[in-house]
Amino acid sequence: MIVDEMTDRQAETYLSSEGIAHGAQHGLGRLSNDTNLVQRVVPEQEPRERLTGYRGPYRINPVFKDALADLLAGSQ
């Protein structure tokens, strides 16, 4: 799914197009907060985030990227 970087909106659009997780909002943000699987591209909090929340891209944690690619390749 995340090849390089992707925002929450881009992830939601992709998942909806695949028929998965309709209406799942802020999924990458939740994953970033709850796990080490994905991480914010801009790690420090920006002042505007207090009003709008982080809207920047996320990426797969490099520690997991190769393992996930192998897993996905094996499932196809």
PDB file of N, CA and C in Angstrom:
ATOM      1  N   MET A   1       0.827  -1.187   0.000  1.00  0.00           N
ATOM      2  CA  MET A   1       0.000   0.000   0.000  1.00  0.00           C
ATOM      3  C   MET A   1       0.871   1.250   0.000  1.00  0.00           C
ATOM      4  N   ILE A   2       1.621   1.489   1.053  1.00  0.00           N
ATOM      5  CA  ILE A   2       2.489   2.668   1.100  1.00  0.00           C
ATOM      6  C   ILE A   2       3.811   2.294   0.452  1.00  0.00           C
ATOM      7  N   VAL A   3       4.023   2.805  -0.740  1.00  0.00           N
ATOM      8  CA  VAL A   3       5.255   2.510  -1.443  1.00  0.00           C
ATOM      9  C   VAL A   3       6.352   3.448  -0.978  1.00  0.00           C
ATOM     10  N   ASP A   4       6.046   4.714  -0.844  1.00  0.00           N
ATOM     11  CA  ASP A   4       7.031   5.690  -0.394  1.00  0.00           C
ATOM     12  C   ASP A   4       6.436   6.472   0.767  1.00  0.00           C
ATOM     13  N   GLU A   5       5.631   7.474   0.457  1.00  0.00           N
ATOM     14  CA  GLU A   5       4.969   8.272   1.486  1.00  0.00           C
ATOM     15  C   GLU A   5       3.515   8.447   1.093  1.00  0.00           C
ATOM     16  N   MET A   6       2.639   8.563   2.087  1.00  0.00           N
ATOM     17  CA  MET A   6       1.215   8.678   1.817  1.00  0.00           C
ATOM     18  C   MET A   6       0.549   9.425   2.976  1.00  0.00           C
ATOM     19  N   THR A   7      -0.362  10.330   2.644  1.00  0.00           N
ATOM     20  CA  THR A   7      -1.130  11.014   3.676  1.00  0.00           C
ATOM     21  C   THR A   7      -2.322  10.146   4.079  1.00  0.00           C
ATOM     22  N   ASP A   8      -2.965  10.523   5.201  1.00  0.00           N
ATOM     23  CA  ASP A   8      -4.169   9.809   5.620  1.00  0.00           C
ATOM     24  C   ASP A   8      -5.223   9.810   4.525  1.00  0.00           C
ATOM     25  N   ARG A   9      -5.414  10.957   3.876  1.00  0.00           N
ATOM     26  CA  ARG A   9      -6.421  11.068   2.821  1.00  0.00           C
ATOM     27  C   ARG A   9      -6.099  10.140   1.653  1.00  0.00           C
ATOM     28  N   GLN A  10      -4.833  10.080   1.269  1.00  0.00           N
ATOM     29  CA  GLN A  10      -4.431   9.190   0.185  1.00  0.00           C
ATOM     30  C   GLN A  10      -4.649   7.727   0.570  1.00  0.00           C
ATOM     31  N   ALA A  11      -4.348   7.386   1.806  1.00  0.00           N
ATOM     32  CA  ALA A  11      -4.556   6.010   2.270  1.00  0.00           C
ATOM     33  C   ALA A  11      -6.040   5.668   2.286  1.00  0.00           C
ATOM     34  N   GLU A  12      -6.864   6.604   2.745  1.00  0.00           N
ATOM     35  CA  GLU A  12      -8.313   6.373   2.779  1.00  0.00           C
ATOM     36  C   GLU A  12      -8.860   6.180   1.367  1.00  0.00           C
ATOM     37  N   THR A  13      -8.394   6.984   0.418  1.00  0.00           N
ATOM     38  CA  THR A  13      -8.826   6.854  -0.976  1.00  0.00           C
ATOM     39  C   THR A  13      -8.414   5.502  -1.540  1.00  0.00           C
ATOM     40  N   TYR A  14      -7.179   5.096  -1.267  1.00  0.00           N
ATOM     41  CA  TYR A  14      -6.701   3.806  -1.755  1.00  0.00           C
ATOM     42  C   TYR A  14      -7.519   2.660  -1.161  1.00  0.00           C
ATOM     43  N   LEU A  15      -7.706   2.669   0.151  1.00  0.00           N
ATOM     44  CA  LEU A  15      -8.445   1.585   0.803  1.00  0.00           C
ATOM     45  C   LEU A  15      -9.889   1.520   0.308  1.00  0.00           C
ATOM     46  N   SER A  16     -10.498   2.668   0.111  1.00  0.00           N
ATOM     47  CA  SER A  16     -11.867   2.687  -0.406  1.00  0.00           C
ATOM     48  C   SER A  16     -11.931   2.120  -1.818  1.00  0.00           C
ATOM     49  N   SER A  17     -10.928   2.447  -2.646  1.00  0.00           N
ATOM     50  CA  SER A  17     -10.917   1.945  -4.021  1.00  0.00           C
ATOM     51  C   SER A  17     -10.733   0.429  -4.064  1.00  0.00           C
ATOM     52  N   GLU A  18     -10.134  -0.123  -3.020  1.00  0.00           N
ATOM     53  CA  GLU A  18      -9.929  -1.568  -2.935  1.00  0.00           C
ATOM     54  C   GLU A  18     -11.086  -2.261  -2.213  1.00  0.00           C
ATOM     55  N   GLY A  19     -12.074  -1.475  -1.777  1.00  0.00           N
ATOM     56  CA  GLY A  19     -13.215  -2.039  -1.066  1.00  0.00           C
ATOM     57  C   GLY A  19     -12.910  -2.396   0.380  1.00  0.00           C
ATOM     58  N   ILE A  20     -11.907  -1.755   0.934  1.00  0.00           N
ATOM     59  CA  ILE A  20     -11.475  -2.037   2.300  1.00  0.00           C
ATOM     60  C   ILE A  20     -11.677  -0.784   3.154  1.00  0.00           C
ATOM     61  N   ALA A  21     -12.165  -0.969   4.347  1.00  0.00           N
ATOM     62  CA  ALA A  21     -12.198   0.092   5.366  1.00  0.00           C
ATOM     63  C   ALA A  21     -12.859   1.376   4.896  1.00  0.00           C
ATOM     64  N   HIS A  22     -14.067   1.273   4.396  1.00  0.00           N
ATOM     65  CA  HIS A  22     -14.793   2.483   4.017  1.00  0.00           C
ATOM     66  C   HIS A  22     -14.978   3.370   5.243  1.00  0.00           C
ATOM     67  N   GLY A  23     -14.667   4.636   5.097  1.00  0.00           N
ATOM     68  CA  GLY A  23     -14.846   5.582   6.187  1.00  0.00           C
ATOM     69  C   GLY A  23     -13.769   5.524   7.251  1.00  0.00           C
ATOM     70  N   ALA A  24     -12.702   4.784   7.016  1.00  0.00           N
ATOM     71  CA  ALA A  24     -11.602   4.732   7.989  1.00  0.00           C
ATOM     72  C   ALA A  24     -10.818   6.026   7.883  1.00  0.00           C
ATOM     73  N   GLN A  25     -10.957   6.849   8.872  1.00  0.00           N
ATOM     74  CA  GLN A  25     -10.272   8.138   8.849  1.00  0.00           C
ATOM     75  C   GLN A  25      -9.123   8.130   9.841  1.00  0.00           C
ATOM     76  N   HIS A  26      -8.081   8.792   9.481  1.00  0.00           N
ATOM     77  CA  HIS A  26      -6.913   8.962  10.341  1.00  0.00           C
ATOM     78  C   HIS A  26      -6.276   7.626  10.710  1.00  0.00           C
ATOM     79  N   GLY A  27      -6.403   6.647   9.833  1.00  0.00           N
ATOM     80  CA  GLY A  27      -5.847   5.324  10.090  1.00  0.00           C
ATOM     81  C   GLY A  27      -4.340   5.332  10.241  1.00  0.00           C
ATOM     82  N   LEU A  28      -3.654   6.079   9.380  1.00  0.00           N
ATOM     83  CA  LEU A  28      -2.202   6.126   9.478  1.00  0.00           C
ATOM     84  C   LEU A  28      -1.775   6.847  10.747  1.00  0.00           C
ATOM     85  N   GLY A  29      -2.522   7.877  11.121  1.00  0.00           N
ATOM     86  CA  GLY A  29      -2.223   8.580  12.369  1.00  0.00           C
ATOM     87  C   GLY A  29      -2.359   7.670  13.572  1.00  0.00           C
ATOM     88  N   ARG A  30      -3.423   6.858  13.564  1.00  0.00           N
ATOM     89  CA  ARG A  30      -3.613   5.898  14.664  1.00  0.00           C
ATOM     90  C   ARG A  30      -2.494   4.872  14.686  1.00  0.00           C
ATOM     91  N   LEU A  31      -2.133   4.347  13.509  1.00  0.00           N
ATOM     92  CA  LEU A  31      -1.029   3.383  13.454  1.00  0.00           C
ATOM     93  C   LEU A  31       0.280   4.008  13.947  1.00  0.00           C
ATOM     94  N   SER A  32       0.505   5.245  13.581  1.00  0.00           N
ATOM     95  CA  SER A  32       1.717   5.934  13.996  1.00  0.00           C
ATOM     96  C   SER A  32       1.747   6.134  15.511  1.00  0.00           C
ATOM     97  N   ASN A  33       0.596   6.477  16.079  1.00  0.00           N
ATOM     98  CA  ASN A  33       0.533   6.701  17.529  1.00  0.00           C
ATOM     99  C   ASN A  33       0.592   5.407  18.323  1.00  0.00           C
ATOM    100  N   ASP A  34      -0.013   4.344  17.790  1.00  0.00           N
ATOM    101  CA  ASP A  34      -0.166   3.099  18.547  1.00  0.00           C
ATOM    102  C   ASP A  34       0.907   2.056  18.272  1.00  0.00           C
ATOM    103  N   THR A  35       1.601   2.169  17.142  1.00  0.00           N
ATOM    104  CA  THR A  35       2.594   1.154  16.771  1.00  0.00           C
ATOM    105  C   THR A  35       3.825   1.842  16.193  1.00  0.00           C
ATOM    106  N   ASN A  36       4.817   1.056  15.875  1.00  0.00           N
ATOM    107  CA  ASN A  36       6.005   1.561  15.176  1.00  0.00           C
ATOM    108  C   ASN A  36       5.980   1.212  13.697  1.00  0.00           C
ATOM    109  N   LEU A  37       4.852   0.695  13.210  1.00  0.00           N
ATOM    110  CA  LEU A  37       4.774   0.253  11.821  1.00  0.00           C
ATOM    111  C   LEU A  37       4.902   1.403  10.829  1.00  0.00           C
ATOM    112  N   VAL A  38       4.203   2.494  11.078  1.00  0.00           N
ATOM    113  CA  VAL A  38       4.326   3.681  10.227  1.00  0.00           C
ATOM    114  C   VAL A  38       4.802   4.851  11.070  1.00  0.00           C
ATOM    115  N   GLN A  39       5.415   5.812  10.409  1.00  0.00           N
ATOM    116  CA  GLN A  39       5.913   6.992  11.116  1.00  0.00           C
ATOM    117  C   GLN A  39       5.677   8.244  10.286  1.00  0.00           C
ATOM    118  N   ARG A  40       5.536   9.332  11.003  1.00  0.00           N
ATOM    119  CA  ARG A  40       5.361  10.624  10.332  1.00  0.00           C
ATOM    120  C   ARG A  40       6.630  10.972   9.574  1.00  0.00           C
ATOM    121  N   VAL A  41       6.467  11.602   8.420  1.00  0.00           N
ATOM    122  CA  VAL A  41       7.623  12.077   7.673  1.00  0.00           C
ATOM    123  C   VAL A  41       8.186  13.323   8.361  1.00  0.00           C
ATOM    124  N   VAL A  42       7.318  14.166   8.891  1.00  0.00           N
ATOM    125  CA  VAL A  42       7.731  15.353   9.638  1.00  0.00           C
ATOM    126  C   VAL A  42       7.518  15.030  11.120  1.00  0.00           C
ATOM    127  N   PRO A  43       8.580  14.620  11.833  1.00  0.00           N
ATOM    128  CA  PRO A  43       8.388  14.110  13.186  1.00  0.00           C
ATOM    129  C   PRO A  43       8.018  15.162  14.234  1.00  0.00           C
ATOM    130  N   GLU A  44       8.517  16.353  14.113  1.00  0.00           N
ATOM    131  CA  GLU A  44       8.218  17.345  15.133  1.00  0.00           C
ATOM    132  C   GLU A  44       6.857  17.994  14.914  1.00  0.00           C
ATOM    133  N   GLN A  45       6.219  18.350  15.995  1.00  0.00           N
ATOM    134  CA  GLN A  45       4.887  18.949  15.894  1.00  0.00           C
ATOM    135  C   GLN A  45       4.991  20.383  15.382  1.00  0.00           C
ATOM    136  N   GLU A  46       4.174  20.699  14.403  1.00  0.00           N
ATOM    137  CA  GLU A  46       4.129  22.038  13.841  1.00  0.00           C
ATOM    138  C   GLU A  46       3.040  22.819  14.569  1.00  0.00           C
ATOM    139  N   PRO A  47       3.193  24.133  14.734  1.00  0.00           N
ATOM    140  CA  PRO A  47       2.194  24.920  15.471  1.00  0.00           C
ATOM    141  C   PRO A  47       0.767  24.778  14.937  1.00  0.00           C
ATOM    142  N   ARG A  48       0.585  24.692  13.626  1.00  0.00           N
ATOM    143  CA  ARG A  48      -0.770  24.609  13.077  1.00  0.00           C
ATOM    144  C   ARG A  48      -1.457  23.294  13.406  1.00  0.00           C
ATOM    145  N   GLU A  49      -0.679  22.284  13.789  1.00  0.00           N
ATOM    146  CA  GLU A  49      -1.261  20.993  14.118  1.00  0.00           C
ATOM    147  C   GLU A  49      -2.227  21.076  15.291  1.00  0.00           C
ATOM    148  N   ARG A  50      -2.037  22.029  16.148  1.00  0.00           N
ATOM    149  CA  ARG A  50      -2.950  22.177  17.285  1.00  0.00           C
ATOM    150  C   ARG A  50      -4.366  22.481  16.817  1.00  0.00           C
ATOM    151  N   LEU A  51      -4.476  23.095  15.647  1.00  0.00           N
ATOM    152  CA  LEU A  51      -5.794  23.420  15.100  1.00  0.00           C
ATOM    153  C   LEU A  51      -6.297  22.368  14.119  1.00  0.00           C
ATOM    154  N   THR A  52      -5.418  21.903  13.263  1.00  0.00           N
ATOM    155  CA  THR A  52      -5.863  21.038  12.166  1.00  0.00           C
ATOM    156  C   THR A  52      -5.469  19.576  12.314  1.00  0.00           C
ATOM    157  N   GLY A  53      -4.518  19.284  13.175  1.00  0.00           N
ATOM    158  CA  GLY A  53      -3.968  17.939  13.252  1.00  0.00           C
ATOM    159  C   GLY A  53      -2.906  17.767  12.180  1.00  0.00           C
ATOM    160  N   TYR A  54      -2.115  16.736  12.307  1.00  0.00           N
ATOM    161  CA  TYR A  54      -1.056  16.466  11.337  1.00  0.00           C
ATOM    162  C   TYR A  54      -1.689  15.977  10.043  1.00  0.00           C
ATOM    163  N   ARG A  55      -1.357  16.629   8.945  1.00  0.00           N
ATOM    164  CA  ARG A  55      -1.901  16.249   7.650  1.00  0.00           C
ATOM    165  C   ARG A  55      -0.809  15.866   6.665  1.00  0.00           C
ATOM    166  N   GLY A  56       0.376  15.775   7.170  1.00  0.00           N
ATOM    167  CA  GLY A  56       1.497  15.430   6.310  1.00  0.00           C
ATOM    168  C   GLY A  56       1.552  13.952   6.017  1.00  0.00           C
ATOM    169  N   PRO A  57       2.519  13.550   5.230  1.00  0.00           N
ATOM    170  CA  PRO A  57       2.623  12.140   4.847  1.00  0.00           C
ATOM    171  C   PRO A  57       3.220  11.273   5.954  1.00  0.00           C
ATOM    172  N   TYR A  58       2.952   9.999   5.828  1.00  0.00           N
ATOM    173  CA  TYR A  58       3.526   8.958   6.681  1.00  0.00           C
ATOM    174  C   TYR A  58       4.303   8.016   5.777  1.00  0.00           C
ATOM    175  N   ARG A  59       5.172   7.236   6.382  1.00  0.00           N
ATOM    176  CA  ARG A  59       5.896   6.216   5.631  1.00  0.00           C
ATOM    177  C   ARG A  59       6.036   4.979   6.506  1.00  0.00           C
ATOM    178  N   ILE A  60       6.245   3.849   5.856  1.00  0.00           N
ATOM    179  CA  ILE A  60       6.510   2.619   6.575  1.00  0.00           C
ATOM    180  C   ILE A  60       7.844   2.773   7.291  1.00  0.00           C
ATOM    181  N   ASN A  61       7.891   2.364   8.540  1.00  0.00           N
ATOM    182  CA  ASN A  61       9.134   2.386   9.295  1.00  0.00           C
ATOM    183  C   ASN A  61      10.160   1.553   8.526  1.00  0.00           C
ATOM    184  N   PRO A  62      11.328   2.115   8.232  1.00  0.00           N
ATOM    185  CA  PRO A  62      12.324   1.390   7.447  1.00  0.00           C
ATOM    186  C   PRO A  62      12.702   0.030   8.042  1.00  0.00           C
ATOM    187  N   VAL A  63      12.571  -0.129   9.342  1.00  0.00           N
ATOM    188  CA  VAL A  63      12.877  -1.402   9.985  1.00  0.00           C
ATOM    189  C   VAL A  63      11.979  -2.514   9.445  1.00  0.00           C
ATOM    190  N   PHE A  64      10.728  -2.172   9.111  1.00  0.00           N
ATOM    191  CA  PHE A  64       9.759  -3.170   8.664  1.00  0.00           C
ATOM    192  C   PHE A  64       9.575  -3.235   7.152  1.00  0.00           C
ATOM    193  N   LYS A  65      10.132  -2.286   6.420  1.00  0.00           N
ATOM    194  CA  LYS A  65       9.838  -2.152   4.993  1.00  0.00           C
ATOM    195  C   LYS A  65      10.190  -3.405   4.188  1.00  0.00           C
ATOM    196  N   ASP A  66      11.369  -3.959   4.357  1.00  0.00           N
ATOM    197  CA  ASP A  66      11.767  -5.146   3.590  1.00  0.00           C
ATOM    198  C   ASP A  66      10.912  -6.357   3.949  1.00  0.00           C
ATOM    199  N   ALA A  67      10.647  -6.527   5.241  1.00  0.00           N
ATOM    200  CA  ALA A  67       9.833  -7.669   5.676  1.00  0.00           C
ATOM    201  C   ALA A  67       8.419  -7.567   5.110  1.00  0.00           C
ATOM    202  N   LEU A  68       7.843  -6.376   5.094  1.00  0.00           N
ATOM    203  CA  LEU A  68       6.503  -6.196   4.534  1.00  0.00           C
ATOM    204  C   LEU A  68       6.493  -6.436   3.029  1.00  0.00           C
ATOM    205  N   ALA A  69       7.524  -5.967   2.348  1.00  0.00           N
ATOM    206  CA  ALA A  69       7.608  -6.188   0.898  1.00  0.00           C
ATOM    207  C   ALA A  69       7.685  -7.684   0.602  1.00  0.00           C
ATOM    208  N   ASP A  70       8.486  -8.423   1.381  1.00  0.00           N
ATOM    209  CA  ASP A  70       8.571  -9.871   1.195  1.00  0.00           C
ATOM    210  C   ASP A  70       7.245 -10.553   1.472  1.00  0.00           C
ATOM    211  N   LEU A  71       6.564 -10.119   2.509  1.00  0.00           N
ATOM    212  CA  LEU A  71       5.269 -10.690   2.873  1.00  0.00           C
ATOM    213  C   LEU A  71       4.249 -10.467   1.763  1.00  0.00           C
ATOM    214  N   LEU A  72       4.200  -9.240   1.245  1.00  0.00           N
ATOM    215  CA  LEU A  72       3.257  -8.923   0.175  1.00  0.00           C
ATOM    216  C   LEU A  72       3.597  -9.668  -1.105  1.00  0.00           C
ATOM    217  N   ALA A  73       4.875  -9.802  -1.414  1.00  0.00           N
ATOM    218  CA  ALA A  73       5.287 -10.529  -2.620  1.00  0.00           C
ATOM    219  C   ALA A  73       4.892 -12.005  -2.526  1.00  0.00           C
ATOM    220  N   GLY A  74       4.977 -12.557  -1.335  1.00  0.00           N
ATOM    221  CA  GLY A  74       4.630 -13.956  -1.149  1.00  0.00           C
ATOM    222  C   GLY A  74       3.139 -14.216  -1.201  1.00  0.00           C
ATOM    223  N   SER A  75       2.326 -13.184  -1.002  1.00  0.00           N
ATOM    224  CA  SER A  75       0.871 -13.372  -1.002  1.00  0.00           C
ATOM    225  C   SER A  75       0.259 -13.178  -2.387  1.00  0.00           C
ATOM    226  N   GLN A  76       1.044 -12.832  -3.371  1.00  0.00           N
ATOM    227  CA  GLN A  76       0.502 -12.577  -4.707  1.00  0.00           C
ATOM    228  C   GLN A  76       0.639 -13.759  -5.606  1.00  0.00           C
TER     229      GLN A  76
END
